[in-house]
Amino acid sequence: MESPPTSLASEKERQVNVVDWHGNDDAANPAMFMPLRMLFLSRPIFFTSLLTAIGYGYIYVLYTTIPTTFVETYK
């Protein structure tokens, strides 16, 4: 025998609206440290990040030195 849809919906809503006030430290720690573990333990991720950092470094140096070079040269 099936329950009426309204009672099923109210039961589901009651289950969804339950707030768990206990700490979620068990879920937070892996979520915080997994990207670092992947960065240092996975070679493809490490080398991709390294090459990206070097590329951004070159672009930063390029964009910061060009204006000073032109200002000093073409005064």
PDB file of N, CA and C in Angstrom:
ATOM      1  N   MET A   1       0.841  -1.175   0.000  1.00  0.00           N
ATOM      2  CA  MET A   1       0.000   0.000   0.000  1.00  0.00           C
ATOM      3  C   MET A   1       0.886   1.237   0.000  1.00  0.00           C
ATOM      4  N   GLU A   2       0.601   2.146  -0.871  1.00  0.00           N
ATOM      5  CA  GLU A   2       1.428   3.346  -1.015  1.00  0.00           C
ATOM      6  C   GLU A   2       0.888   4.485  -0.170  1.00  0.00           C
ATOM      7  N   SER A   3       1.810   5.351   0.250  1.00  0.00           N
ATOM      8  CA  SER A   3       1.412   6.542   0.997  1.00  0.00           C
ATOM      9  C   SER A   3       0.980   7.616   0.022  1.00  0.00           C
ATOM     10  N   PRO A   4       0.135   8.509   0.491  1.00  0.00           N
ATOM     11  CA  PRO A   4      -0.224   9.622  -0.388  1.00  0.00           C
ATOM     12  C   PRO A   4       0.996  10.486  -0.687  1.00  0.00           C
ATOM     13  N   PRO A   5       1.051  11.105  -1.862  1.00  0.00           N
ATOM     14  CA  PRO A   5       2.227  11.894  -2.250  1.00  0.00           C
ATOM     15  C   PRO A   5       2.517  13.049  -1.298  1.00  0.00           C
ATOM     16  N   THR A   6       1.500  13.614  -0.685  1.00  0.00           N
ATOM     17  CA  THR A   6       1.748  14.748   0.213  1.00  0.00           C
ATOM     18  C   THR A   6       2.527  14.318   1.439  1.00  0.00           C
ATOM     19  N   SER A   7       2.234  13.140   1.979  1.00  0.00           N
ATOM     20  CA  SER A   7       2.977  12.696   3.160  1.00  0.00           C
ATOM     21  C   SER A   7       4.413  12.329   2.789  1.00  0.00           C
ATOM     22  N   LEU A   8       4.629  11.771   1.595  1.00  0.00           N
ATOM     23  CA  LEU A   8       5.992  11.472   1.157  1.00  0.00           C
ATOM     24  C   LEU A   8       6.790  12.754   0.957  1.00  0.00           C
ATOM     25  N   ALA A   9       6.160  13.760   0.380  1.00  0.00           N
ATOM     26  CA  ALA A   9       6.848  15.031   0.156  1.00  0.00           C
ATOM     27  C   ALA A   9       7.179  15.709   1.474  1.00  0.00           C
ATOM     28  N   SER A  10       6.253  15.667   2.429  1.00  0.00           N
ATOM     29  CA  SER A  10       6.533  16.309   3.718  1.00  0.00           C
ATOM     30  C   SER A  10       7.621  15.557   4.471  1.00  0.00           C
ATOM     31  N   GLU A  11       7.647  14.230   4.375  1.00  0.00           N
ATOM     32  CA  GLU A  11       8.703  13.449   5.027  1.00  0.00           C
ATOM     33  C   GLU A  11      10.059  13.752   4.392  1.00  0.00           C
ATOM     34  N   LYS A  12      10.098  13.836   3.088  1.00  0.00           N
ATOM     35  CA  LYS A  12      11.345  14.159   2.383  1.00  0.00           C
ATOM     36  C   LYS A  12      11.814  15.561   2.761  1.00  0.00           C
ATOM     37  N   GLU A  13      10.893  16.516   2.836  1.00  0.00           N
ATOM     38  CA  GLU A  13      11.253  17.886   3.204  1.00  0.00           C
ATOM     39  C   GLU A  13      11.789  17.934   4.630  1.00  0.00           C
ATOM     40  N   ARG A  14      11.201  17.155   5.516  1.00  0.00           N
ATOM     41  CA  ARG A  14      11.664  17.119   6.894  1.00  0.00           C
ATOM     42  C   ARG A  14      13.089  16.540   6.966  1.00  0.00           C
ATOM     43  N   GLN A  15      13.382  15.543   6.159  1.00  0.00           N
ATOM     44  CA  GLN A  15      14.717  14.956   6.151  1.00  0.00           C
ATOM     45  C   GLN A  15      15.744  15.907   5.558  1.00  0.00           C
ATOM     46  N   VAL A  16      15.367  16.674   4.548  1.00  0.00           N
ATOM     47  CA  VAL A  16      16.287  17.598   3.895  1.00  0.00           C
ATOM     48  C   VAL A  16      16.594  18.785   4.794  1.00  0.00           C
ATOM     49  N   ASN A  17      15.607  19.238   5.564  1.00  0.00           N
ATOM     50  CA  ASN A  17      15.776  20.430   6.388  1.00  0.00           C
ATOM     51  C   ASN A  17      16.483  20.171   7.711  1.00  0.00           C
ATOM     52  N   VAL A  18      16.918  18.953   7.964  1.00  0.00           N
ATOM     53  CA  VAL A  18      17.639  18.653   9.197  1.00  0.00           C
ATOM     54  C   VAL A  18      19.039  19.245   9.087  1.00  0.00           C
ATOM     55  N   VAL A  19      19.423  20.030  10.090  1.00  0.00           N
ATOM     56  CA  VAL A  19      20.734  20.665  10.099  1.00  0.00           C
ATOM     57  C   VAL A  19      21.626  19.897  11.059  1.00  0.00           C
ATOM     58  N   ASP A  20      22.755  19.480  10.577  1.00  0.00           N
ATOM     59  CA  ASP A  20      23.719  18.774  11.415  1.00  0.00           C
ATOM     60  C   ASP A  20      24.719  19.784  11.948  1.00  0.00           C
ATOM     61  N   TRP A  21      24.662  20.053  13.239  1.00  0.00           N
ATOM     62  CA  TRP A  21      25.524  21.067  13.838  1.00  0.00           C
ATOM     63  C   TRP A  21      26.846  20.480  14.308  1.00  0.00           C
ATOM     64  N   HIS A  22      27.060  19.215  14.062  1.00  0.00           N
ATOM     65  CA  HIS A  22      28.338  18.617  14.422  1.00  0.00           C
ATOM     66  C   HIS A  22      29.392  19.091  13.439  1.00  0.00           C
ATOM     67  N   GLY A  23      30.625  19.158  13.892  1.00  0.00           N
ATOM     68  CA  GLY A  23      31.689  19.636  13.013  1.00  0.00           C
ATOM     69  C   GLY A  23      31.928  18.701  11.848  1.00  0.00           C
ATOM     70  N   ASN A  24      32.231  19.268  10.728  1.00  0.00           N
ATOM     71  CA  ASN A  24      32.558  18.492   9.535  1.00  0.00           C
ATOM     72  C   ASN A  24      34.059  18.490   9.316  1.00  0.00           C
ATOM     73  N   ASP A  25      34.818  18.341  10.391  1.00  0.00           N
ATOM     74  CA  ASP A  25      36.270  18.349  10.273  1.00  0.00           C
ATOM     75  C   ASP A  25      36.764  17.182   9.433  1.00  0.00           C
ATOM     76  N   ASP A  26      36.060  16.072   9.502  1.00  0.00           N
ATOM     77  CA  ASP A  26      36.482  14.909   8.722  1.00  0.00           C
ATOM     78  C   ASP A  26      36.373  15.180   7.226  1.00  0.00           C
ATOM     79  N   ALA A  27      35.414  15.985   6.822  1.00  0.00           N
ATOM     80  CA  ALA A  27      35.244  16.288   5.401  1.00  0.00           C
ATOM     81  C   ALA A  27      36.114  17.463   4.977  1.00  0.00           C
ATOM     82  N   ALA A  28      36.438  18.359   5.902  1.00  0.00           N
ATOM     83  CA  ALA A  28      37.186  19.563   5.542  1.00  0.00           C
ATOM     84  C   ALA A  28      38.664  19.269   5.311  1.00  0.00           C
ATOM     85  N   ASN A  29      39.251  18.424   6.117  1.00  0.00           N
ATOM     86  CA  ASN A  29      40.688  18.177   5.984  1.00  0.00           C
ATOM     87  C   ASN A  29      41.076  17.575   4.637  1.00  0.00           C
ATOM     88  N   PRO A  30      40.439  16.516   4.174  1.00  0.00           N
ATOM     89  CA  PRO A  30      40.814  16.008   2.845  1.00  0.00           C
ATOM     90  C   PRO A  30      40.540  17.011   1.733  1.00  0.00           C
ATOM     91  N   ALA A  31      39.470  17.785   1.885  1.00  0.00           N
ATOM     92  CA  ALA A  31      39.143  18.765   0.850  1.00  0.00           C
ATOM     93  C   ALA A  31      40.182  19.872   0.793  1.00  0.00           C
ATOM     94  N   MET A  32      40.801  20.185   1.923  1.00  0.00           N
ATOM     95  CA  MET A  32      41.803  21.249   1.940  1.00  0.00           C
ATOM     96  C   MET A  32      43.168  20.761   1.461  1.00  0.00           C
ATOM     97  N   PHE A  33      43.501  19.525   1.760  1.00  0.00           N
ATOM     98  CA  PHE A  33      44.846  19.050   1.456  1.00  0.00           C
ATOM     99  C   PHE A  33      44.944  18.245   0.170  1.00  0.00           C
ATOM    100  N   MET A  34      43.839  17.854  -0.411  1.00  0.00           N
ATOM    101  CA  MET A  34      43.890  17.072  -1.646  1.00  0.00           C
ATOM    102  C   MET A  34      44.532  17.843  -2.801  1.00  0.00           C
ATOM    103  N   PRO A  35      44.246  19.143  -3.011  1.00  0.00           N
ATOM    104  CA  PRO A  35      44.935  19.847  -4.099  1.00  0.00           C
ATOM    105  C   PRO A  35      46.446  19.899  -3.909  1.00  0.00           C
ATOM    106  N   LEU A  36      46.905  20.072  -2.672  1.00  0.00           N
ATOM    107  CA  LEU A  36      48.353  20.085  -2.430  1.00  0.00           C
ATOM    108  C   LEU A  36      48.964  18.712  -2.665  1.00  0.00           C
ATOM    109  N   ARG A  37      48.269  17.672  -2.243  1.00  0.00           N
ATOM    110  CA  ARG A  37      48.771  16.322  -2.488  1.00  0.00           C
ATOM    111  C   ARG A  37      48.853  16.051  -3.981  1.00  0.00           C
ATOM    112  N   MET A  38      47.829  16.478  -4.722  1.00  0.00           N
ATOM    113  CA  MET A  38      47.843  16.269  -6.167  1.00  0.00           C
ATOM    114  C   MET A  38      48.970  17.063  -6.817  1.00  0.00           C
ATOM    115  N   LEU A  39      49.216  18.276  -6.318  1.00  0.00           N
ATOM    116  CA  LEU A  39      50.264  19.110  -6.898  1.00  0.00           C
ATOM    117  C   LEU A  39      51.634  18.472  -6.729  1.00  0.00           C
ATOM    118  N   PHE A  40      51.912  17.946  -5.546  1.00  0.00           N
ATOM    119  CA  PHE A  40      53.256  17.435  -5.285  1.00  0.00           C
ATOM    120  C   PHE A  40      53.425  15.954  -5.589  1.00  0.00           C
ATOM    121  N   LEU A  41      52.353  15.195  -5.681  1.00  0.00           N
ATOM    122  CA  LEU A  41      52.488  13.759  -5.917  1.00  0.00           C
ATOM    123  C   LEU A  41      52.163  13.337  -7.349  1.00  0.00           C
ATOM    124  N   SER A  42      51.601  14.229  -8.135  1.00  0.00           N
ATOM    125  CA  SER A  42      51.277  13.907  -9.520  1.00  0.00           C
ATOM    126  C   SER A  42      52.224  14.680 -10.436  1.00  0.00           C
ATOM    127  N   ARG A  43      53.044  13.962 -11.161  1.00  0.00           N
ATOM    128  CA  ARG A  43      54.038  14.620 -12.021  1.00  0.00           C
ATOM    129  C   ARG A  43      53.424  15.488 -13.111  1.00  0.00           C
ATOM    130  N   PRO A  44      52.393  15.028 -13.812  1.00  0.00           N
ATOM    131  CA  PRO A  44      51.825  15.907 -14.856  1.00  0.00           C
ATOM    132  C   PRO A  44      51.272  17.216 -14.291  1.00  0.00           C
ATOM    133  N   ILE A  45      50.609  17.141 -13.158  1.00  0.00           N
ATOM    134  CA  ILE A  45      50.065  18.358 -12.555  1.00  0.00           C
ATOM    135  C   ILE A  45      51.196  19.262 -12.091  1.00  0.00           C
ATOM    136  N   PHE A  46      52.239  18.685 -11.505  1.00  0.00           N
ATOM    137  CA  PHE A  46      53.360  19.487 -11.020  1.00  0.00           C
ATOM    138  C   PHE A  46      54.055  20.214 -12.167  1.00  0.00           C
ATOM    139  N   PHE A  47      54.362  19.494 -13.241  1.00  0.00           N
ATOM    140  CA  PHE A  47      55.093  20.123 -14.342  1.00  0.00           C
ATOM    141  C   PHE A  47      54.226  21.113 -15.121  1.00  0.00           C
ATOM    142  N   THR A  48      52.938  20.840 -15.225  1.00  0.00           N
ATOM    143  CA  THR A  48      52.046  21.816 -15.856  1.00  0.00           C
ATOM    144  C   THR A  48      51.987  23.091 -15.033  1.00  0.00           C
ATOM    145  N   SER A  49      51.888  22.954 -13.718  1.00  0.00           N
ATOM    146  CA  SER A  49      51.867  24.128 -12.842  1.00  0.00           C
ATOM    147  C   SER A  49      53.193  24.872 -12.891  1.00  0.00           C
ATOM    148  N   LEU A  50      54.290  24.136 -12.954  1.00  0.00           N
ATOM    149  CA  LEU A  50      55.609  24.761 -13.010  1.00  0.00           C
ATOM    150  C   LEU A  50      55.781  25.560 -14.302  1.00  0.00           C
ATOM    151  N   LEU A  51      55.419  24.962 -15.430  1.00  0.00           N
ATOM    152  CA  LEU A  51      55.537  25.674 -16.704  1.00  0.00           C
ATOM    153  C   LEU A  51      54.614  26.887 -16.764  1.00  0.00           C
ATOM    154  N   THR A  52      53.424  26.768 -16.205  1.00  0.00           N
ATOM    155  CA  THR A  52      52.507  27.905 -16.164  1.00  0.00           C
ATOM    156  C   THR A  52      53.075  29.019 -15.304  1.00  0.00           C
ATOM    157  N   ALA A  53      53.666  28.668 -14.165  1.00  0.00           N
ATOM    158  CA  ALA A  53      54.257  29.681 -13.285  1.00  0.00           C
ATOM    159  C   ALA A  53      55.432  30.376 -13.963  1.00  0.00           C
ATOM    160  N   ILE A  54      56.256  29.620 -14.675  1.00  0.00           N
ATOM    161  CA  ILE A  54      57.385  30.224 -15.391  1.00  0.00           C
ATOM    162  C   ILE A  54      56.874  31.154 -16.490  1.00  0.00           C
ATOM    163  N   GLY A  55      55.858  30.725 -17.209  1.00  0.00           N
ATOM    164  CA  GLY A  55      55.274  31.576 -18.254  1.00  0.00           C
ATOM    165  C   GLY A  55      54.706  32.864 -17.698  1.00  0.00           C
ATOM    166  N   TYR A  56      53.962  32.773 -16.615  1.00  0.00           N
ATOM    167  CA  TYR A  56      53.424  33.985 -15.991  1.00  0.00           C
ATOM    168  C   TYR A  56      54.543  34.866 -15.456  1.00  0.00           C
ATOM    169  N   GLY A  57      55.613  34.251 -14.961  1.00  0.00           N
ATOM    170  CA  GLY A  57      56.758  35.034 -14.487  1.00  0.00           C
ATOM    171  C   GLY A  57      57.405  35.820 -15.608  1.00  0.00           C
ATOM    172  N   TYR A  58      57.598  35.180 -16.756  1.00  0.00           N
ATOM    173  CA  TYR A  58      58.175  35.883 -17.906  1.00  0.00           C
ATOM    174  C   TYR A  58      57.275  37.022 -18.378  1.00  0.00           C
ATOM    175  N   ILE A  59      55.987  36.773 -18.429  1.00  0.00           N
ATOM    176  CA  ILE A  59      55.061  37.829 -18.856  1.00  0.00           C
ATOM    177  C   ILE A  59      55.071  38.982 -17.865  1.00  0.00           C
ATOM    178  N   TYR A  60      55.128  38.681 -16.567  1.00  0.00           N
ATOM    179  CA  TYR A  60      55.170  39.734 -15.552  1.00  0.00           C
ATOM    180  C   TYR A  60      56.430  40.584 -15.709  1.00  0.00           C
ATOM    181  N   VAL A  61      57.574  39.919 -15.870  1.00  0.00           N
ATOM    182  CA  VAL A  61      58.830  40.660 -16.037  1.00  0.00           C
ATOM    183  C   VAL A  61      58.788  41.487 -17.317  1.00  0.00           C
ATOM    184  N   LEU A  62      58.250  40.933 -18.381  1.00  0.00           N
ATOM    185  CA  LEU A  62      58.149  41.657 -19.643  1.00  0.00           C
ATOM    186  C   LEU A  62      57.304  42.916 -19.495  1.00  0.00           C
ATOM    187  N   TYR A  63      56.133  42.781 -18.900  1.00  0.00           N
ATOM    188  CA  TYR A  63      55.236  43.934 -18.777  1.00  0.00           C
ATOM    189  C   TYR A  63      55.706  44.948 -17.747  1.00  0.00           C
ATOM    190  N   THR A  64      56.515  44.549 -16.787  1.00  0.00           N
ATOM    191  CA  THR A  64      56.999  45.530 -15.812  1.00  0.00           C
ATOM    192  C   THR A  64      58.265  46.232 -16.272  1.00  0.00           C
ATOM    193  N   THR A  65      59.054  45.630 -17.159  1.00  0.00           N
ATOM    194  CA  THR A  65      60.297  46.276 -17.592  1.00  0.00           C
ATOM    195  C   THR A  65      60.140  47.100 -18.863  1.00  0.00           C
ATOM    196  N   ILE A  66      59.192  46.773 -19.716  1.00  0.00           N
ATOM    197  CA  ILE A  66      59.030  47.531 -20.964  1.00  0.00           C
ATOM    198  C   ILE A  66      58.697  48.993 -20.704  1.00  0.00           C
ATOM    199  N   PRO A  67      57.757  49.333 -19.830  1.00  0.00           N
ATOM    200  CA  PRO A  67      57.478  50.765 -19.622  1.00  0.00           C
ATOM    201  C   PRO A  67      58.682  51.535 -19.084  1.00  0.00           C
ATOM    202  N   THR A  68      59.427  50.956 -18.144  1.00  0.00           N
ATOM    203  CA  THR A  68      60.596  51.675 -17.617  1.00  0.00           C
ATOM    204  C   THR A  68      61.673  51.816 -18.681  1.00  0.00           C
ATOM    205  N   THR A  69      61.829  50.835 -19.545  1.00  0.00           N
ATOM    206  CA  THR A  69      62.820  50.921 -20.613  1.00  0.00           C
ATOM    207  C   THR A  69      62.469  52.035 -21.590  1.00  0.00           C
ATOM    208  N   PHE A  70      61.205  52.111 -21.996  1.00  0.00           N
ATOM    209  CA  PHE A  70      60.807  53.151 -22.941  1.00  0.00           C
ATOM    210  C   PHE A  70      60.838  54.536 -22.315  1.00  0.00           C
ATOM    211  N   VAL A  71      60.518  54.647 -21.040  1.00  0.00           N
ATOM    212  CA  VAL A  71      60.552  55.955 -20.381  1.00  0.00           C
ATOM    213  C   VAL A  71      61.987  56.452 -20.291  1.00  0.00           C
ATOM    214  N   GLU A  72      62.918  55.572 -19.949  1.00  0.00           N
ATOM    215  CA  GLU A  72      64.318  55.982 -19.828  1.00  0.00           C
ATOM    216  C   GLU A  72      64.948  56.236 -21.197  1.00  0.00           C
ATOM    217  N   THR A  73      64.585  55.484 -22.215  1.00  0.00           N
ATOM    218  CA  THR A  73      65.199  55.611 -23.528  1.00  0.00           C
ATOM    219  C   THR A  73      64.652  56.797 -24.305  1.00  0.00           C
ATOM    220  N   TYR A  74      63.352  57.002 -24.281  1.00  0.00           N
ATOM    221  CA  TYR A  74      62.721  58.019 -25.118  1.00  0.00           C
ATOM    222  C   TYR A  74      62.250  59.226 -24.315  1.00  0.00           C
ATOM    223  N   LYS A  75      63.063  59.696 -23.391  1.00  0.00           N
ATOM    224  CA  LYS A  75      62.714  60.871 -22.599  1.00  0.00           C
ATOM    225  C   LYS A  75      62.771  62.123 -23.397  1.00  0.00           C
TER     226      LYS A  75
END
